[in-house]
PDB file of N, CA and C in Angstrom:
ATOM      1  N   MET A   1       1.880 -16.583   8.632  1.00  0.00           N
ATOM      2  CA  MET A   1       1.577 -15.453   7.836  1.00  0.00           C
ATOM      3  C   MET A   1       1.405 -14.520   8.966  1.00  0.00           C
ATOM      4  N   LYS A   2       1.596 -13.206   8.574  1.00  0.00           N
ATOM      5  CA  LYS A   2       1.290 -12.096   9.335  1.00  0.00           C
ATOM      6  C   LYS A   2       0.233 -11.290   9.183  1.00  0.00           C
ATOM      7  N   PHE A   3      -0.465 -10.587   9.581  1.00  0.00           N
ATOM      8  CA  PHE A   3      -1.917  -9.783   9.469  1.00  0.00           C
ATOM      9  C   PHE A   3      -1.332  -9.067   7.971  1.00  0.00           C
ATOM     10  N   LYS A   4      -0.474  -8.588   8.071  1.00  0.00           N
ATOM     11  CA  LYS A   4      -0.016  -7.104   6.680  1.00  0.00           C
ATOM     12  C   LYS A   4       0.243  -8.125   5.699  1.00  0.00           C
ATOM     13  N   GLU A   5       0.629  -9.255   5.681  1.00  0.00           N
ATOM     14  CA  GLU A   5       0.768  -9.999   4.356  1.00  0.00           C
ATOM     15  C   GLU A   5      -0.795 -10.539   4.106  1.00  0.00           C
ATOM     16  N   ARG A   6      -1.565 -11.023   5.078  1.00  0.00           N
ATOM     17  CA  ARG A   6      -2.979 -11.765   5.103  1.00  0.00           C
ATOM     18  C   ARG A   6      -3.657 -10.317   4.298  1.00  0.00           C
ATOM     19  N   ILE A   7      -3.915  -9.286   5.074  1.00  0.00           N
ATOM     20  CA  ILE A   7      -4.835  -8.376   4.642  1.00  0.00           C
ATOM     21  C   ILE A   7      -4.316  -7.720   3.102  1.00  0.00           C
ATOM     22  N   ALA A   8      -3.135  -7.866   2.643  1.00  0.00           N
ATOM     23  CA  ALA A   8      -2.927  -7.430   1.387  1.00  0.00           C
ATOM     24  C   ALA A   8      -3.356  -8.129   0.360  1.00  0.00           C
ATOM     25  N   ILE A   9      -3.181  -9.704   0.708  1.00  0.00           N
ATOM     26  CA  ILE A   9      -3.774 -10.383   0.131  1.00  0.00           C
ATOM     27  C   ILE A   9      -5.210 -10.370  -0.165  1.00  0.00           C
ATOM     28  N   ALA A  10      -6.167 -10.668   1.139  1.00  0.00           N
ATOM     29  CA  ALA A  10      -7.779 -10.428   1.166  1.00  0.00           C
ATOM     30  C   ALA A  10      -8.162  -9.003   0.356  1.00  0.00           C
ATOM     31  N   ILE A  11      -7.247  -7.875   0.147  1.00  0.00           N
ATOM     32  CA  ILE A  11      -7.804  -6.956  -0.382  1.00  0.00           C
ATOM     33  C   ILE A  11      -7.630  -7.210  -1.908  1.00  0.00           C
ATOM     34  N   LYS A  12      -6.325  -7.442  -2.538  1.00  0.00           N
ATOM     35  CA  LYS A  12      -6.122  -7.734  -3.787  1.00  0.00           C
ATOM     36  C   LYS A  12      -7.374  -8.744  -4.283  1.00  0.00           C
ATOM     37  N   GLN A  13      -7.431  -9.829  -3.570  1.00  0.00           N
ATOM     38  CA  GLN A  13      -8.618 -10.659  -3.968  1.00  0.00           C
ATOM     39  C   GLN A  13      -9.862 -10.098  -3.849  1.00  0.00           C
ATOM     40  N   SER A  14     -10.152  -9.196  -3.326  1.00  0.00           N
ATOM     41  CA  SER A  14     -11.822  -8.747  -2.950  1.00  0.00           C
ATOM     42  C   SER A  14     -11.874  -7.927  -4.010  1.00  0.00           C
ATOM     43  N   ARG A  15     -13.391  -7.372  -4.628  1.00  0.00           N
ATOM     44  CA  ARG A  15     -13.713  -6.637  -5.781  1.00  0.00           C
ATOM     45  C   ARG A  15     -13.464  -5.311  -5.253  1.00  0.00           C
ATOM     46  N   TYR A  16     -12.860  -4.934  -4.407  1.00  0.00           N
ATOM     47  CA  TYR A  16     -12.734  -3.328  -3.848  1.00  0.00           C
ATOM     48  C   TYR A  16     -11.352  -2.528  -4.064  1.00  0.00           C
ATOM     49  N   SER A  17     -11.032  -1.454  -4.186  1.00  0.00           N
ATOM     50  CA  SER A  17      -9.906  -1.241  -4.229  1.00  0.00           C
ATOM     51  C   SER A  17      -9.489  -0.681  -2.845  1.00  0.00           C
ATOM     52  N   GLN A  18      -8.510  -0.195  -2.714  1.00  0.00           N
ATOM     53  CA  GLN A  18      -7.791   0.436  -1.455  1.00  0.00           C
ATOM     54  C   GLN A  18      -8.481   1.714  -0.780  1.00  0.00           C
ATOM     55  N   LYS A  19      -8.893   2.334  -2.066  1.00  0.00           N
ATOM     56  CA  LYS A  19      -9.636   3.536  -1.800  1.00  0.00           C
ATOM     57  C   LYS A  19     -11.091   3.324  -1.284  1.00  0.00           C
ATOM     58  N   GLN A  20     -11.800   2.318  -2.088  1.00  0.00           N
ATOM     59  CA  GLN A  20     -13.278   2.233  -1.867  1.00  0.00           C
ATOM     60  C   GLN A  20     -13.214   1.436  -0.414  1.00  0.00           C
ATOM     61  N   LEU A  21     -12.319   0.883   0.023  1.00  0.00           N
ATOM     62  CA  LEU A  21     -12.417   0.123   1.041  1.00  0.00           C
ATOM     63  C   LEU A  21     -12.162   1.092   2.281  1.00  0.00           C
ATOM     64  N   ALA A  22     -11.313   2.105   2.161  1.00  0.00           N
ATOM     65  CA  ALA A  22     -10.973   3.109   3.096  1.00  0.00           C
ATOM     66  C   ALA A  22     -12.164   4.084   3.057  1.00  0.00           C
ATOM     67  N   GLU A  23     -13.014   4.480   2.196  1.00  0.00           N
ATOM     68  CA  GLU A  23     -13.978   5.092   2.636  1.00  0.00           C
ATOM     69  C   GLU A  23     -15.234   4.047   2.813  1.00  0.00           C
ATOM     70  N   MET A  24     -15.308   2.796   2.758  1.00  0.00           N
ATOM     71  CA  MET A  24     -16.086   1.993   3.220  1.00  0.00           C
ATOM     72  C   MET A  24     -16.379   2.083   4.996  1.00  0.00           C
ATOM     73  N   LEU A  25     -14.801   1.966   5.341  1.00  0.00           N
ATOM     74  CA  LEU A  25     -14.373   1.999   6.850  1.00  0.00           C
ATOM     75  C   LEU A  25     -14.541   3.211   7.746  1.00  0.00           C
ATOM     76  N   GLY A  26     -14.367   4.295   6.593  1.00  0.00           N
ATOM     77  CA  GLY A  26     -14.555   5.456   7.303  1.00  0.00           C
ATOM     78  C   GLY A  26     -13.296   5.992   7.875  1.00  0.00           C
ATOM     79  N   ILE A  27     -12.231   5.534   6.924  1.00  0.00           N
ATOM     80  CA  ILE A  27     -10.775   5.408   7.536  1.00  0.00           C
ATOM     81  C   ILE A  27      -9.846   6.101   6.081  1.00  0.00           C
ATOM     82  N   SER A  28      -8.679   6.829   6.769  1.00  0.00           N
ATOM     83  CA  SER A  28      -7.737   7.021   5.221  1.00  0.00           C
ATOM     84  C   SER A  28      -7.084   5.930   4.686  1.00  0.00           C
ATOM     85  N   GLU A  29      -6.459   5.981   3.244  1.00  0.00           N
ATOM     86  CA  GLU A  29      -6.100   5.154   2.692  1.00  0.00           C
ATOM     87  C   GLU A  29      -4.703   4.592   3.591  1.00  0.00           C
ATOM     88  N   SER A  30      -4.198   5.800   3.751  1.00  0.00           N
ATOM     89  CA  SER A  30      -2.760   5.310   4.719  1.00  0.00           C
ATOM     90  C   SER A  30      -3.029   4.772   5.697  1.00  0.00           C
ATOM     91  N   ASN A  31      -4.014   4.412   6.386  1.00  0.00           N
ATOM     92  CA  ASN A  31      -4.162   3.523   7.262  1.00  0.00           C
ATOM     93  C   ASN A  31      -4.391   2.043   6.813  1.00  0.00           C
ATOM     94  N   ILE A  32      -4.714   2.188   5.885  1.00  0.00           N
ATOM     95  CA  ILE A  32      -4.583   0.636   5.083  1.00  0.00           C
ATOM     96  C   ILE A  32      -2.920   0.610   4.303  1.00  0.00           C
ATOM     97  N   THR A  33      -2.461   1.535   4.003  1.00  0.00           N
ATOM     98  CA  THR A  33      -0.997   1.147   3.813  1.00  0.00           C
ATOM     99  C   THR A  33      -0.004   0.967   4.962  1.00  0.00           C
ATOM    100  N   ASN A  34      -0.600   1.828   6.071  1.00  0.00           N
ATOM    101  CA  ASN A  34       0.249   1.271   7.141  1.00  0.00           C
ATOM    102  C   ASN A  34       0.156  -0.078   7.917  1.00  0.00           C
ATOM    103  N   TRP A  35      -1.221  -0.484   7.610  1.00  0.00           N
ATOM    104  CA  TRP A  35      -1.370  -2.149   7.706  1.00  0.00           C
ATOM    105  C   TRP A  35      -0.711  -3.007   6.893  1.00  0.00           C
ATOM    106  N   LYS A  36      -0.754  -2.611   5.775  1.00  0.00           N
ATOM    107  CA  LYS A  36       0.228  -3.432   4.733  1.00  0.00           C
ATOM    108  C   LYS A  36       1.158  -3.475   4.901  1.00  0.00           C
ATOM    109  N   ASN A  37       2.186  -2.176   5.723  1.00  0.00           N
ATOM    110  CA  ASN A  37       3.275  -2.128   5.587  1.00  0.00           C
ATOM    111  C   ASN A  37       3.566  -2.796   7.232  1.00  0.00           C
ATOM    112  N   GLY A  38       2.783  -3.313   7.761  1.00  0.00           N
ATOM    113  CA  GLY A  38       3.037  -3.572   9.246  1.00  0.00           C
ATOM    114  C   GLY A  38       3.377  -2.549  10.198  1.00  0.00           C
ATOM    115  N   GLU A  39       3.025  -1.763  10.141  1.00  0.00           N
ATOM    116  CA  GLU A  39       3.338  -0.119  10.956  1.00  0.00           C
ATOM    117  C   GLU A  39       2.287  -0.179  12.112  1.00  0.00           C
ATOM    118  N   ASN A  40       0.889  -0.940  11.714  1.00  0.00           N
ATOM    119  CA  ASN A  40      -0.033  -0.670  12.826  1.00  0.00           C
ATOM    120  C   ASN A  40      -1.032  -1.348  12.457  1.00  0.00           C
ATOM    121  N   LEU A  41      -2.160  -1.771  13.369  1.00  0.00           N
ATOM    122  CA  LEU A  41      -2.968  -2.915  12.843  1.00  0.00           C
ATOM    123  C   LEU A  41      -4.433  -2.134  13.360  1.00  0.00           C
ATOM    124  N   PRO A  42      -5.499  -2.305  12.871  1.00  0.00           N
ATOM    125  CA  PRO A  42      -6.858  -1.696  13.247  1.00  0.00           C
ATOM    126  C   PRO A  42      -7.129  -1.681  14.305  1.00  0.00           C
ATOM    127  N   SER A  43      -8.085  -1.095  14.771  1.00  0.00           N
ATOM    128  CA  SER A  43      -8.926  -1.203  15.835  1.00  0.00           C
ATOM    129  C   SER A  43     -10.116  -2.335  16.035  1.00  0.00           C
ATOM    130  N   VAL A  44     -10.295  -2.575  17.088  1.00  0.00           N
ATOM    131  CA  VAL A  44     -11.079  -3.798  16.829  1.00  0.00           C
ATOM    132  C   VAL A  44     -12.339  -3.527  15.934  1.00  0.00           C
ATOM    133  N   GLU A  45     -13.125  -2.467  16.249  1.00  0.00           N
ATOM    134  CA  GLU A  45     -14.623  -2.000  15.462  1.00  0.00           C
ATOM    135  C   GLU A  45     -13.894  -1.958  13.973  1.00  0.00           C
ATOM    136  N   THR A  46     -12.766  -1.478  13.500  1.00  0.00           N
ATOM    137  CA  THR A  46     -12.421  -1.696  12.334  1.00  0.00           C
ATOM    138  C   THR A  46     -12.207  -2.708  11.508  1.00  0.00           C
ATOM    139  N   LEU A  47     -11.577  -3.631  12.542  1.00  0.00           N
ATOM    140  CA  LEU A  47     -11.227  -5.260  12.007  1.00  0.00           C
ATOM    141  C   LEU A  47     -12.638  -5.881  12.024  1.00  0.00           C
ATOM    142  N   TYR A  48     -13.530  -5.935  12.884  1.00  0.00           N
ATOM    143  CA  TYR A  48     -15.246  -6.148  12.616  1.00  0.00           C
ATOM    144  C   TYR A  48     -15.313  -5.741  11.167  1.00  0.00           C
ATOM    145  N   LYS A  49     -15.574  -4.610  11.113  1.00  0.00           N
ATOM    146  CA  LYS A  49     -16.261  -4.185   9.843  1.00  0.00           C
ATOM    147  C   LYS A  49     -15.160  -4.896   8.389  1.00  0.00           C
ATOM    148  N   LEU A  50     -14.103  -4.868   8.788  1.00  0.00           N
ATOM    149  CA  LEU A  50     -13.299  -4.949   7.624  1.00  0.00           C
ATOM    150  C   LEU A  50     -13.327  -6.786   7.502  1.00  0.00           C
ATOM    151  N   CYS A  51     -13.623  -7.273   8.661  1.00  0.00           N
ATOM    152  CA  CYS A  51     -14.049  -8.663   8.266  1.00  0.00           C
ATOM    153  C   CYS A  51     -15.066  -9.023   7.757  1.00  0.00           C
ATOM    154  N   GLU A  52     -16.143  -8.468   7.892  1.00  0.00           N
ATOM    155  CA  GLU A  52     -17.568  -8.280   7.200  1.00  0.00           C
ATOM    156  C   GLU A  52     -17.437  -8.152   5.626  1.00  0.00           C
ATOM    157  N   ILE A  53     -16.500  -6.900   5.228  1.00  0.00           N
ATOM    158  CA  ILE A  53     -16.463  -6.192   3.997  1.00  0.00           C
ATOM    159  C   ILE A  53     -15.566  -7.380   3.350  1.00  0.00           C
ATOM    160  N   LEU A  54     -14.719  -8.008   3.674  1.00  0.00           N
ATOM    161  CA  LEU A  54     -13.802  -8.722   2.577  1.00  0.00           C
ATOM    162  C   LEU A  54     -14.370 -10.227   3.194  1.00  0.00           C
ATOM    163  N   ASP A  55     -15.491 -10.561   3.935  1.00  0.00           N
ATOM    164  CA  ASP A  55     -15.934 -11.834   3.889  1.00  0.00           C
ATOM    165  C   ASP A  55     -14.757 -12.769   4.288  1.00  0.00           C
ATOM    166  N   GLU A  56     -13.869 -12.191   5.424  1.00  0.00           N
ATOM    167  CA  GLU A  56     -12.572 -13.066   6.220  1.00  0.00           C
ATOM    168  C   GLU A  56     -12.851 -13.272   7.557  1.00  0.00           C
ATOM    169  N   SER A  57     -12.515 -14.095   8.443  1.00  0.00           N
ATOM    170  CA  SER A  57     -12.508 -14.326   9.878  1.00  0.00           C
ATOM    171  C   SER A  57     -11.424 -13.466  10.362  1.00  0.00           C
ATOM    172  N   ALA A  58     -11.714 -12.765  11.530  1.00  0.00           N
ATOM    173  CA  ALA A  58     -10.671 -12.296  12.345  1.00  0.00           C
ATOM    174  C   ALA A  58      -9.457 -13.354  12.541  1.00  0.00           C
ATOM    175  N   ASP A  59     -10.047 -14.251  12.728  1.00  0.00           N
ATOM    176  CA  ASP A  59      -8.799 -15.472  13.189  1.00  0.00           C
ATOM    177  C   ASP A  59      -8.048 -15.372  11.916  1.00  0.00           C
ATOM    178  N   TYR A  60      -8.310 -15.735  10.800  1.00  0.00           N
ATOM    179  CA  TYR A  60      -7.525 -15.434   9.699  1.00  0.00           C
ATOM    180  C   TYR A  60      -6.441 -14.575   9.648  1.00  0.00           C
ATOM    181  N   LEU A  61      -7.324 -13.470   9.453  1.00  0.00           N
ATOM    182  CA  LEU A  61      -6.512 -12.189   9.346  1.00  0.00           C
ATOM    183  C   LEU A  61      -5.649 -11.931  10.171  1.00  0.00           C
ATOM    184  N   LEU A  62      -5.478 -12.764  11.627  1.00  0.00           N
ATOM    185  CA  LEU A  62      -4.809 -12.099  12.396  1.00  0.00           C
ATOM    186  C   LEU A  62      -3.606 -13.393  12.772  1.00  0.00           C
ATOM    187  N   GLY A  63      -3.742 -14.594  11.525  1.00  0.00           N
ATOM    188  CA  GLY A  63      -2.861 -15.618  11.353  1.00  0.00           C
ATOM    189  C   GLY A  63      -3.108 -16.356  12.613  1.00  0.00           C
ATOM    190  N   LEU A  64      -4.008 -16.271  13.461  1.00  0.00           N
ATOM    191  CA  LEU A  64      -4.711 -17.434  14.007  1.00  0.00           C
ATOM    192  C   LEU A  64      -4.754 -18.631  13.660  1.00  0.00           C
ATOM    193  N   LYS A  65      -5.711 -18.680  12.753  1.00  0.00           N
ATOM    194  CA  LYS A  65      -5.853 -20.001  11.783  1.00  0.00           C
ATOM    195  C   LYS A  65      -5.838 -20.148  10.090  1.00  0.00           C
ATOM    196  N   ASP A  66      -5.642 -20.890   9.343  1.00  0.00           N
ATOM    197  CA  ASP A  66      -5.402 -20.954   8.162  1.00  0.00           C
ATOM    198  C   ASP A  66      -6.616 -21.063   7.408  1.00  0.00           C
TER     199      ASP A  66
END
């Protein structure tokens, strides 16, 4: 499974909307949409924050571990 699929699942299973998550990360909603569409990846700093907020490991989100 690729990042775009895992991030979509993690966001769906979280208690946050895409808009709330974008606000917490200090980015636009379109950034998250682009991740979910596989158009780009978050920066390392944003990935770190994303992992903390969603309580997921970077290894899982990046597809390195199941």
